[in-house]
Amino acid sequence: MIINKKFNQDKQYFCSEFKNVAKELLPWLENLAWEYRCKIEKKEWKSKYNNYVIYDYEPFCSDGFEINLTISSRQNEYLNFVRFLYENKLQTICYLKNCLIL
């Protein structure tokens, strides 16, 4: 889920925050961001049970944590394309899971 998109006027860059990224998709999304000239500003593991437990590294047991990623780019088009590819990947995975159920 992509939460917000903002523009920082002082530094001239756009940001998007990806919430609850699946652990299996994390390497793919990081490579995609690098390929399209985007920078990973923040990567955090946030506990689903305690709001105050937030790590900036992968915990030993990552069950019960959601992964949040903030990606920035100087050009909004690159960021929009990364978001588009991510949303299409999620839709494809959902479609394939539904096909398996039937």
PDB file of N, CA and C in Angstrom:
ATOM      1  N   MET A   1       0.845  -1.160   0.000  1.00  0.00           N
ATOM      2  CA  MET A   1       0.000   0.000   0.000  1.00  0.00           C
ATOM      3  C   MET A   1       0.897   1.232   0.000  1.00  0.00           C
ATOM      4  N   ILE A   2       0.604   2.159  -0.868  1.00  0.00           N
ATOM      5  CA  ILE A   2       1.372   3.389  -0.957  1.00  0.00           C
ATOM      6  C   ILE A   2       0.587   4.479  -0.234  1.00  0.00           C
ATOM      7  N   ILE A   3       1.204   5.082   0.752  1.00  0.00           N
ATOM      8  CA  ILE A   3       0.482   5.995   1.622  1.00  0.00           C
ATOM      9  C   ILE A   3       0.504   7.432   1.121  1.00  0.00           C
ATOM     10  N   ASN A   4       1.666   8.023   0.973  1.00  0.00           N
ATOM     11  CA  ASN A   4       1.677   9.442   0.642  1.00  0.00           C
ATOM     12  C   ASN A   4       2.746   9.761  -0.378  1.00  0.00           C
ATOM     13  N   LYS A   5       2.532  10.877  -1.014  1.00  0.00           N
ATOM     14  CA  LYS A   5       3.491  11.391  -1.962  1.00  0.00           C
ATOM     15  C   LYS A   5       3.659  12.861  -1.644  1.00  0.00           C
ATOM     16  N   LYS A   6       4.872  13.293  -1.433  1.00  0.00           N
ATOM     17  CA  LYS A   6       5.102  14.678  -1.053  1.00  0.00           C
ATOM     18  C   LYS A   6       6.271  15.252  -1.823  1.00  0.00           C
ATOM     19  N   PHE A   7       6.359  16.547  -1.781  1.00  0.00           N
ATOM     20  CA  PHE A   7       7.417  17.260  -2.475  1.00  0.00           C
ATOM     21  C   PHE A   7       8.125  18.143  -1.470  1.00  0.00           C
ATOM     22  N   ASN A   8       9.427  17.997  -1.362  1.00  0.00           N
ATOM     23  CA  ASN A   8      10.220  18.829  -0.478  1.00  0.00           C
ATOM     24  C   ASN A   8      10.820  19.950  -1.305  1.00  0.00           C
ATOM     25  N   GLN A   9      10.345  21.161  -1.088  1.00  0.00           N
ATOM     26  CA  GLN A   9      10.729  22.282  -1.920  1.00  0.00           C
ATOM     27  C   GLN A   9      12.190  22.677  -1.728  1.00  0.00           C
ATOM     28  N   ASP A  10      12.703  22.553  -0.529  1.00  0.00           N
ATOM     29  CA  ASP A  10      14.082  22.968  -0.277  1.00  0.00           C
ATOM     30  C   ASP A  10      15.090  22.086  -1.006  1.00  0.00           C
ATOM     31  N   LYS A  11      14.874  20.799  -1.001  1.00  0.00           N
ATOM     32  CA  LYS A  11      15.831  19.873  -1.595  1.00  0.00           C
ATOM     33  C   LYS A  11      15.427  19.412  -2.992  1.00  0.00           C
ATOM     34  N   GLN A  12      14.256  19.788  -3.459  1.00  0.00           N
ATOM     35  CA  GLN A  12      13.777  19.478  -4.808  1.00  0.00           C
ATOM     36  C   GLN A  12      13.707  17.974  -5.089  1.00  0.00           C
ATOM     37  N   TYR A  13      12.948  17.254  -4.295  1.00  0.00           N
ATOM     38  CA  TYR A  13      12.741  15.844  -4.570  1.00  0.00           C
ATOM     39  C   TYR A  13      11.336  15.417  -4.150  1.00  0.00           C
ATOM     40  N   PHE A  14      10.877  14.321  -4.741  1.00  0.00           N
ATOM     41  CA  PHE A  14       9.567  13.754  -4.471  1.00  0.00           C
ATOM     42  C   PHE A  14       9.752  12.484  -3.649  1.00  0.00           C
ATOM     43  N   CYS A  15       8.777  12.187  -2.775  1.00  0.00           N
ATOM     44  CA  CYS A  15       8.847  10.980  -1.936  1.00  0.00           C
ATOM     45  C   CYS A  15       7.543  10.206  -2.013  1.00  0.00           C
ATOM     46  N   SER A  16       7.665   8.897  -1.907  1.00  0.00           N
ATOM     47  CA  SER A  16       6.512   8.020  -1.746  1.00  0.00           C
ATOM     48  C   SER A  16       6.836   7.029  -0.648  1.00  0.00           C
ATOM     49  N   GLU A  17       5.844   6.751   0.167  1.00  0.00           N
ATOM     50  CA  GLU A  17       6.035   5.808   1.260  1.00  0.00           C
ATOM     51  C   GLU A  17       5.246   4.540   0.959  1.00  0.00           C
ATOM     52  N   PHE A  18       5.934   3.428   0.950  1.00  0.00           N
ATOM     53  CA  PHE A  18       5.331   2.129   0.701  1.00  0.00           C
ATOM     54  C   PHE A  18       5.148   1.450   2.051  1.00  0.00           C
ATOM     55  N   LYS A  19       3.900   1.186   2.414  1.00  0.00           N
ATOM     56  CA  LYS A  19       3.592   0.577   3.706  1.00  0.00           C
ATOM     57  C   LYS A  19       3.333  -0.912   3.535  1.00  0.00           C
ATOM     58  N   ASN A  20       3.746  -1.678   4.529  1.00  0.00           N
ATOM     59  CA  ASN A  20       3.470  -3.108   4.619  1.00  0.00           C
ATOM     60  C   ASN A  20       3.919  -3.867   3.363  1.00  0.00           C
ATOM     61  N   VAL A  21       5.172  -3.665   2.985  1.00  0.00           N
ATOM     62  CA  VAL A  21       5.755  -4.358   1.834  1.00  0.00           C
ATOM     63  C   VAL A  21       6.026  -5.802   2.244  1.00  0.00           C
ATOM     64  N   ALA A  22       5.665  -6.738   1.402  1.00  0.00           N
ATOM     65  CA  ALA A  22       5.915  -8.148   1.692  1.00  0.00           C
ATOM     66  C   ALA A  22       7.419  -8.409   1.703  1.00  0.00           C
ATOM     67  N   LYS A  23       7.848  -9.263   2.616  1.00  0.00           N
ATOM     68  CA  LYS A  23       9.275  -9.562   2.770  1.00  0.00           C
ATOM     69  C   LYS A  23       9.857 -10.149   1.487  1.00  0.00           C
ATOM     70  N   GLU A  24       9.065 -10.901   0.746  1.00  0.00           N
ATOM     71  CA  GLU A  24       9.529 -11.507  -0.501  1.00  0.00           C
ATOM     72  C   GLU A  24       9.720 -10.471  -1.609  1.00  0.00           C
ATOM     73  N   LEU A  25       8.972  -9.370  -1.548  1.00  0.00           N
ATOM     74  CA  LEU A  25       9.058  -8.333  -2.579  1.00  0.00           C
ATOM     75  C   LEU A  25      10.104  -7.273  -2.281  1.00  0.00           C
ATOM     76  N   LEU A  26      10.664  -7.272  -1.093  1.00  0.00           N
ATOM     77  CA  LEU A  26      11.597  -6.221  -0.691  1.00  0.00           C
ATOM     78  C   LEU A  26      12.838  -6.146  -1.584  1.00  0.00           C
ATOM     79  N   PRO A  27      13.538  -7.247  -1.864  1.00  0.00           N
ATOM     80  CA  PRO A  27      14.704  -7.140  -2.762  1.00  0.00           C
ATOM     81  C   PRO A  27      14.326  -6.664  -4.165  1.00  0.00           C
ATOM     82  N   TRP A  28      13.188  -7.121  -4.662  1.00  0.00           N
ATOM     83  CA  TRP A  28      12.734  -6.701  -5.993  1.00  0.00           C
ATOM     84  C   TRP A  28      12.469  -5.196  -6.014  1.00  0.00           C
ATOM     85  N   LEU A  29      11.808  -4.679  -4.983  1.00  0.00           N
ATOM     86  CA  LEU A  29      11.492  -3.252  -4.930  1.00  0.00           C
ATOM     87  C   LEU A  29      12.748  -2.405  -4.763  1.00  0.00           C
ATOM     88  N   GLU A  30      13.702  -2.870  -3.973  1.00  0.00           N
ATOM     89  CA  GLU A  30      14.962  -2.139  -3.818  1.00  0.00           C
ATOM     90  C   GLU A  30      15.732  -2.087  -5.132  1.00  0.00           C
ATOM     91  N   ASN A  31      15.794  -3.191  -5.858  1.00  0.00           N
ATOM     92  CA  ASN A  31      16.462  -3.202  -7.160  1.00  0.00           C
ATOM     93  C   ASN A  31      15.739  -2.320  -8.167  1.00  0.00           C
ATOM     94  N   LEU A  32      14.428  -2.321  -8.119  1.00  0.00           N
ATOM     95  CA  LEU A  32      13.635  -1.490  -9.018  1.00  0.00           C
ATOM     96  C   LEU A  32      13.891  -0.010  -8.752  1.00  0.00           C
ATOM     97  N   ALA A  33      13.952   0.358  -7.485  1.00  0.00           N
ATOM     98  CA  ALA A  33      14.227   1.754  -7.132  1.00  0.00           C
ATOM     99  C   ALA A  33      15.613   2.165  -7.627  1.00  0.00           C
ATOM    100  N   TRP A  34      16.593   1.306  -7.444  1.00  0.00           N
ATOM    101  CA  TRP A  34      17.942   1.620  -7.899  1.00  0.00           C
ATOM    102  C   TRP A  34      17.996   1.744  -9.425  1.00  0.00           C
ATOM    103  N   GLU A  35      17.292   0.852 -10.115  1.00  0.00           N
ATOM    104  CA  GLU A  35      17.298   0.848 -11.574  1.00  0.00           C
ATOM    105  C   GLU A  35      16.695   2.128 -12.153  1.00  0.00           C
ATOM    106  N   TYR A  36      15.699   2.679 -11.486  1.00  0.00           N
ATOM    107  CA  TYR A  36      15.025   3.873 -11.996  1.00  0.00           C
ATOM    108  C   TYR A  36      15.435   5.134 -11.250  1.00  0.00           C
ATOM    109  N   ARG A  37      16.683   5.182 -10.812  1.00  0.00           N
ATOM    110  CA  ARG A  37      17.308   6.378 -10.239  1.00  0.00           C
ATOM    111  C   ARG A  37      16.572   6.936  -9.032  1.00  0.00           C
ATOM    112  N   CYS A  38      16.086   6.055  -8.208  1.00  0.00           N
ATOM    113  CA  CYS A  38      15.429   6.465  -6.971  1.00  0.00           C
ATOM    114  C   CYS A  38      16.313   6.077  -5.798  1.00  0.00           C
ATOM    115  N   LYS A  39      16.122   6.779  -4.715  1.00  0.00           N
ATOM    116  CA  LYS A  39      16.924   6.543  -3.515  1.00  0.00           C
ATOM    117  C   LYS A  39      16.021   6.062  -2.391  1.00  0.00           C
ATOM    118  N   ILE A  40      16.469   5.064  -1.655  1.00  0.00           N
ATOM    119  CA  ILE A  40      15.715   4.591  -0.498  1.00  0.00           C
ATOM    120  C   ILE A  40      16.097   5.466   0.682  1.00  0.00           C
ATOM    121  N   GLU A  41      15.177   6.316   1.088  1.00  0.00           N
ATOM    122  CA  GLU A  41      15.440   7.249   2.178  1.00  0.00           C
ATOM    123  C   GLU A  41      15.354   6.570   3.537  1.00  0.00           C
ATOM    124  N   LYS A  42      14.361   5.695   3.686  1.00  0.00           N
ATOM    125  CA  LYS A  42      14.146   5.071   4.993  1.00  0.00           C
ATOM    126  C   LYS A  42      13.552   3.683   4.793  1.00  0.00           C
ATOM    127  N   LYS A  43      14.100   2.727   5.531  1.00  0.00           N
ATOM    128  CA  LYS A  43      13.561   1.364   5.535  1.00  0.00           C
ATOM    129  C   LYS A  43      13.413   0.976   7.001  1.00  0.00           C
ATOM    130  N   GLU A  44      12.184   0.628   7.389  1.00  0.00           N
ATOM    131  CA  GLU A  44      11.963   0.336   8.805  1.00  0.00           C
ATOM    132  C   GLU A  44      11.047  -0.863   8.980  1.00  0.00           C
ATOM    133  N   TRP A  45      11.269  -1.575  10.060  1.00  0.00           N
ATOM    134  CA  TRP A  45      10.427  -2.697  10.469  1.00  0.00           C
ATOM    135  C   TRP A  45       9.635  -2.219  11.677  1.00  0.00           C
ATOM    136  N   LYS A  46       8.310  -2.138  11.529  1.00  0.00           N
ATOM    137  CA  LYS A  46       7.447  -1.622  12.589  1.00  0.00           C
ATOM    138  C   LYS A  46       6.605  -2.770  13.143  1.00  0.00           C
ATOM    139  N   SER A  47       6.559  -2.874  14.446  1.00  0.00           N
ATOM    140  CA  SER A  47       5.801  -3.940  15.085  1.00  0.00           C
ATOM    141  C   SER A  47       4.313  -3.742  14.853  1.00  0.00           C
ATOM    142  N   LYS A  48       3.604  -4.838  14.597  1.00  0.00           N
ATOM    143  CA  LYS A  48       2.156  -4.765  14.418  1.00  0.00           C
ATOM    144  C   LYS A  48       1.438  -4.675  15.755  1.00  0.00           C
ATOM    145  N   TYR A  49       2.142  -5.014  16.833  1.00  0.00           N
ATOM    146  CA  TYR A  49       1.503  -5.092  18.144  1.00  0.00           C
ATOM    147  C   TYR A  49       1.847  -3.913  19.052  1.00  0.00           C
ATOM    148  N   ASN A  50       3.033  -3.350  18.922  1.00  0.00           N
ATOM    149  CA  ASN A  50       3.453  -2.204  19.734  1.00  0.00           C
ATOM    150  C   ASN A  50       3.860  -1.064  18.811  1.00  0.00           C
ATOM    151  N   ASN A  51       3.176   0.070  18.932  1.00  0.00           N
ATOM    152  CA  ASN A  51       3.457   1.197  18.051  1.00  0.00           C
ATOM    153  C   ASN A  51       4.843   1.786  18.261  1.00  0.00           C
ATOM    154  N   TYR A  52       5.398   1.644  19.435  1.00  0.00           N
ATOM    155  CA  TYR A  52       6.674   2.279  19.732  1.00  0.00           C
ATOM    156  C   TYR A  52       7.881   1.430  19.343  1.00  0.00           C
ATOM    157  N   VAL A  53       7.672   0.206  18.886  1.00  0.00           N
ATOM    158  CA  VAL A  53       8.786  -0.662  18.487  1.00  0.00           C
ATOM    159  C   VAL A  53       9.009  -0.517  16.986  1.00  0.00           C
ATOM    160  N   ILE A  54      10.086   0.183  16.628  1.00  0.00           N
ATOM    161  CA  ILE A  54      10.443   0.410  15.231  1.00  0.00           C
ATOM    162  C   ILE A  54      11.944   0.188  15.094  1.00  0.00           C
ATOM    163  N   TYR A  55      12.338  -0.676  14.159  1.00  0.00           N
ATOM    164  CA  TYR A  55      13.750  -0.960  13.908  1.00  0.00           C
ATOM    165  C   TYR A  55      14.136  -0.453  12.529  1.00  0.00           C
ATOM    166  N   ASP A  56      15.377  -0.023  12.384  1.00  0.00           N
ATOM    167  CA  ASP A  56      15.880   0.359  11.072  1.00  0.00           C
ATOM    168  C   ASP A  56      16.721  -0.762  10.455  1.00  0.00           C
ATOM    169  N   TYR A  57      16.643  -1.935  11.027  1.00  0.00           N
ATOM    170  CA  TYR A  57      17.304  -3.126  10.511  1.00  0.00           C
ATOM    171  C   TYR A  57      16.342  -4.298  10.671  1.00  0.00           C
ATOM    172  N   GLU A  58      16.602  -5.373   9.943  1.00  0.00           N
ATOM    173  CA  GLU A  58      15.711  -6.531  10.028  1.00  0.00           C
ATOM    174  C   GLU A  58      15.929  -7.260  11.345  1.00  0.00           C
ATOM    175  N   PRO A  59      14.872  -7.402  12.144  1.00  0.00           N
ATOM    176  CA  PRO A  59      15.033  -8.107  13.422  1.00  0.00           C
ATOM    177  C   PRO A  59      15.272  -9.601  13.206  1.00  0.00           C
ATOM    178  N   PHE A  60      15.775 -10.245  14.251  1.00  0.00           N
ATOM    179  CA  PHE A  60      16.086 -11.679  14.186  1.00  0.00           C
ATOM    180  C   PHE A  60      14.856 -12.476  13.763  1.00  0.00           C
ATOM    181  N   CYS A  61      13.732 -12.218  14.399  1.00  0.00           N
ATOM    182  CA  CYS A  61      12.478 -12.867  14.038  1.00  0.00           C
ATOM    183  C   CYS A  61      11.553 -11.791  13.489  1.00  0.00           C
ATOM    184  N   SER A  62      11.384 -11.754  12.180  1.00  0.00           N
ATOM    185  CA  SER A  62      10.633 -10.663  11.566  1.00  0.00           C
ATOM    186  C   SER A  62       9.135 -10.930  11.484  1.00  0.00           C
ATOM    187  N   ASP A  63       8.658 -12.019  12.102  1.00  0.00           N
ATOM    188  CA  ASP A  63       7.213 -12.256  12.156  1.00  0.00           C
ATOM    189  C   ASP A  63       6.596 -11.223  13.084  1.00  0.00           C
ATOM    190  N   GLY A  64       5.452 -10.686  12.692  1.00  0.00           N
ATOM    191  CA  GLY A  64       4.792  -9.687  13.508  1.00  0.00           C
ATOM    192  C   GLY A  64       5.255  -8.272  13.222  1.00  0.00           C
ATOM    193  N   PHE A  65       6.049  -8.098  12.175  1.00  0.00           N
ATOM    194  CA  PHE A  65       6.521  -6.769  11.792  1.00  0.00           C
ATOM    195  C   PHE A  65       6.045  -6.461  10.379  1.00  0.00           C
ATOM    196  N   GLU A  66       5.780  -5.191  10.128  1.00  0.00           N
ATOM    197  CA  GLU A  66       5.494  -4.752   8.768  1.00  0.00           C
ATOM    198  C   GLU A  66       6.667  -3.904   8.297  1.00  0.00           C
ATOM    199  N   ILE A  67       6.983  -4.024   7.017  1.00  0.00           N
ATOM    200  CA  ILE A  67       8.121  -3.313   6.446  1.00  0.00           C
ATOM    201  C   ILE A  67       7.604  -2.075   5.727  1.00  0.00           C
ATOM    202  N   ASN A  68       8.169  -0.918   6.099  1.00  0.00           N
ATOM    203  CA  ASN A  68       7.818   0.351   5.474  1.00  0.00           C
ATOM    204  C   ASN A  68       9.051   0.909   4.776  1.00  0.00           C
ATOM    205  N   LEU A  69       8.848   1.406   3.564  1.00  0.00           N
ATOM    206  CA  LEU A  69       9.938   1.915   2.751  1.00  0.00           C
ATOM    207  C   LEU A  69       9.581   3.305   2.253  1.00  0.00           C
ATOM    208  N   THR A  70      10.508   4.242   2.350  1.00  0.00           N
ATOM    209  CA  THR A  70      10.320   5.573   1.781  1.00  0.00           C
ATOM    210  C   THR A  70      11.323   5.731   0.654  1.00  0.00           C
ATOM    211  N   ILE A  71      10.805   5.997  -0.539  1.00  0.00           N
ATOM    212  CA  ILE A  71      11.632   6.120  -1.736  1.00  0.00           C
ATOM    213  C   ILE A  71      11.509   7.541  -2.270  1.00  0.00           C
ATOM    214  N   SER A  72      12.630   8.121  -2.665  1.00  0.00           N
ATOM    215  CA  SER A  72      12.614   9.486  -3.192  1.00  0.00           C
ATOM    216  C   SER A  72      13.295   9.527  -4.549  1.00  0.00           C
ATOM    217  N   SER A  73      12.949  10.559  -5.296  1.00  0.00           N
ATOM    218  CA  SER A  73      13.552  10.776  -6.606  1.00  0.00           C
ATOM    219  C   SER A  73      13.477  12.256  -6.941  1.00  0.00           C
ATOM    220  N   ARG A  74      14.414  12.707  -7.725  1.00  0.00           N
ATOM    221  CA  ARG A  74      14.392  14.114  -8.144  1.00  0.00           C
ATOM    222  C   ARG A  74      13.354  14.346  -9.247  1.00  0.00           C
ATOM    223  N   GLN A  75      13.018  13.282  -9.983  1.00  0.00           N
ATOM    224  CA  GLN A  75      12.019  13.410 -11.039  1.00  0.00           C
ATOM    225  C   GLN A  75      10.816  12.553 -10.675  1.00  0.00           C
ATOM    226  N   ASN A  76       9.670  13.167 -10.696  1.00  0.00           N
ATOM    227  CA  ASN A  76       8.437  12.512 -10.288  1.00  0.00           C
ATOM    228  C   ASN A  76       8.059  11.361 -11.220  1.00  0.00           C
ATOM    229  N   GLU A  77       8.458  11.430 -12.477  1.00  0.00           N
ATOM    230  CA  GLU A  77       8.108  10.386 -13.438  1.00  0.00           C
ATOM    231  C   GLU A  77       8.719   9.039 -13.054  1.00  0.00           C
ATOM    232  N   TYR A  78       9.968   9.054 -12.600  1.00  0.00           N
ATOM    233  CA  TYR A  78      10.609   7.808 -12.169  1.00  0.00           C
ATOM    234  C   TYR A  78       9.872   7.209 -10.981  1.00  0.00           C
ATOM    235  N   LEU A  79       9.510   8.059 -10.048  1.00  0.00           N
ATOM    236  CA  LEU A  79       8.814   7.591  -8.854  1.00  0.00           C
ATOM    237  C   LEU A  79       7.429   7.053  -9.200  1.00  0.00           C
ATOM    238  N   ASN A  80       6.738   7.719 -10.102  1.00  0.00           N
ATOM    239  CA  ASN A  80       5.430   7.237 -10.541  1.00  0.00           C
ATOM    240  C   ASN A  80       5.541   5.887 -11.247  1.00  0.00           C
ATOM    241  N   PHE A  81       6.604   5.688 -12.027  1.00  0.00           N
ATOM    242  CA  PHE A  81       6.773   4.425 -12.731  1.00  0.00           C
ATOM    243  C   PHE A  81       7.083   3.286 -11.763  1.00  0.00           C
ATOM    244  N   VAL A  82       7.890   3.553 -10.744  1.00  0.00           N
ATOM    245  CA  VAL A  82       8.166   2.538  -9.714  1.00  0.00           C
ATOM    246  C   VAL A  82       6.876   2.174  -9.004  1.00  0.00           C
ATOM    247  N   ARG A  83       6.077   3.171  -8.663  1.00  0.00           N
ATOM    248  CA  ARG A  83       4.796   2.917  -8.000  1.00  0.00           C
ATOM    249  C   ARG A  83       3.861   2.106  -8.903  1.00  0.00           C
ATOM    250  N   PHE A  84       3.826   2.440 -10.197  1.00  0.00           N
ATOM    251  CA  PHE A  84       2.999   1.722 -11.160  1.00  0.00           C
ATOM    252  C   PHE A  84       3.409   0.249 -11.253  1.00  0.00           C
ATOM    253  N   LEU A  85       4.714  -0.011 -11.353  1.00  0.00           N
ATOM    254  CA  LEU A  85       5.191  -1.394 -11.446  1.00  0.00           C
ATOM    255  C   LEU A  85       4.907  -2.169 -10.167  1.00  0.00           C
ATOM    256  N   TYR A  86       5.046  -1.517  -9.023  1.00  0.00           N
ATOM    257  CA  TYR A  86       4.772  -2.170  -7.742  1.00  0.00           C
ATOM    258  C   TYR A  86       3.291  -2.540  -7.623  1.00  0.00           C
ATOM    259  N   GLU A  87       2.411  -1.613  -7.989  1.00  0.00           N
ATOM    260  CA  GLU A  87       0.974  -1.885  -7.915  1.00  0.00           C
ATOM    261  C   GLU A  87       0.576  -2.996  -8.881  1.00  0.00           C
ATOM    262  N   ASN A  88       1.168  -3.003 -10.079  1.00  0.00           N
ATOM    263  CA  ASN A  88       0.868  -4.077 -11.035  1.00  0.00           C
ATOM    264  C   ASN A  88       1.364  -5.422 -10.533  1.00  0.00           C
ATOM    265  N   LYS A  89       2.506  -5.444  -9.889  1.00  0.00           N
ATOM    266  CA  LYS A  89       3.030  -6.700  -9.334  1.00  0.00           C
ATOM    267  C   LYS A  89       2.089  -7.232  -8.251  1.00  0.00           C
ATOM    268  N   LEU A  90       1.592  -6.339  -7.384  1.00  0.00           N
ATOM    269  CA  LEU A  90       0.653  -6.757  -6.342  1.00  0.00           C
ATOM    270  C   LEU A  90      -0.650  -7.279  -6.936  1.00  0.00           C
ATOM    271  N   GLN A  91      -1.150  -6.616  -7.979  1.00  0.00           N
ATOM    272  CA  GLN A  91      -2.372  -7.072  -8.628  1.00  0.00           C
ATOM    273  C   GLN A  91      -2.180  -8.426  -9.298  1.00  0.00           C
ATOM    274  N   THR A  92      -1.029  -8.644  -9.909  1.00  0.00           N
ATOM    275  CA  THR A  92      -0.739  -9.921 -10.550  1.00  0.00           C
ATOM    276  C   THR A  92      -0.662 -11.043  -9.520  1.00  0.00           C
ATOM    277  N   ILE A  93      -0.012 -10.770  -8.395  1.00  0.00           N
ATOM    278  CA  ILE A  93       0.084 -11.773  -7.329  1.00  0.00           C
ATOM    279  C   ILE A  93      -1.300 -12.102  -6.788  1.00  0.00           C
ATOM    280  N   CYS A  94      -2.127 -11.100  -6.582  1.00  0.00           N
ATOM    281  CA  CYS A  94      -3.496 -11.312  -6.094  1.00  0.00           C
ATOM    282  C   CYS A  94      -4.298 -12.124  -7.107  1.00  0.00           C
ATOM    283  N   TYR A  95      -4.158 -11.819  -8.383  1.00  0.00           N
ATOM    284  CA  TYR A  95      -4.866 -12.554  -9.428  1.00  0.00           C
ATOM    285  C   TYR A  95      -4.452 -14.025  -9.449  1.00  0.00           C
ATOM    286  N   LEU A  96      -3.147 -14.282  -9.354  1.00  0.00           N
ATOM    287  CA  LEU A  96      -2.652 -15.654  -9.387  1.00  0.00           C
ATOM    288  C   LEU A  96      -3.104 -16.435  -8.149  1.00  0.00           C
ATOM    289  N   LYS A  97      -3.141 -15.782  -7.001  1.00  0.00           N
ATOM    290  CA  LYS A  97      -3.642 -16.448  -5.786  1.00  0.00           C
ATOM    291  C   LYS A  97      -5.111 -16.812  -5.944  1.00  0.00           C
ATOM    292  N   ASN A  98      -5.900 -15.932  -6.544  1.00  0.00           N
ATOM    293  CA  ASN A  98      -7.314 -16.216  -6.785  1.00  0.00           C
ATOM    294  C   ASN A  98      -7.485 -17.362  -7.776  1.00  0.00           C
ATOM    295  N   CYS A  99      -6.593 -17.470  -8.748  1.00  0.00           N
ATOM    296  CA  CYS A  99      -6.657 -18.573  -9.703  1.00  0.00           C
ATOM    297  C   CYS A  99      -6.381 -19.909  -9.003  1.00  0.00           C
ATOM    298  N   LEU A 100      -5.471 -19.898  -8.043  1.00  0.00           N
ATOM    299  CA  LEU A 100      -5.159 -21.130  -7.303  1.00  0.00           C
ATOM    300  C   LEU A 100      -6.326 -21.580  -6.439  1.00  0.00           C
ATOM    301  N   ILE A 101      -7.085 -20.629  -5.922  1.00  0.00           N
ATOM    302  CA  ILE A 101      -8.221 -20.966  -5.062  1.00  0.00           C
ATOM    303  C   ILE A 101      -9.321 -21.654  -5.859  1.00  0.00           C
ATOM    304  N   LEU A 102      -9.523 -21.193  -7.088  1.00  0.00           N
ATOM    305  CA  LEU A 102     -10.577 -21.771  -7.924  1.00  0.00           C
ATOM    306  C   LEU A 102     -10.126 -23.110  -8.384  1.00  0.00           C
TER     307      LEU A 102
END
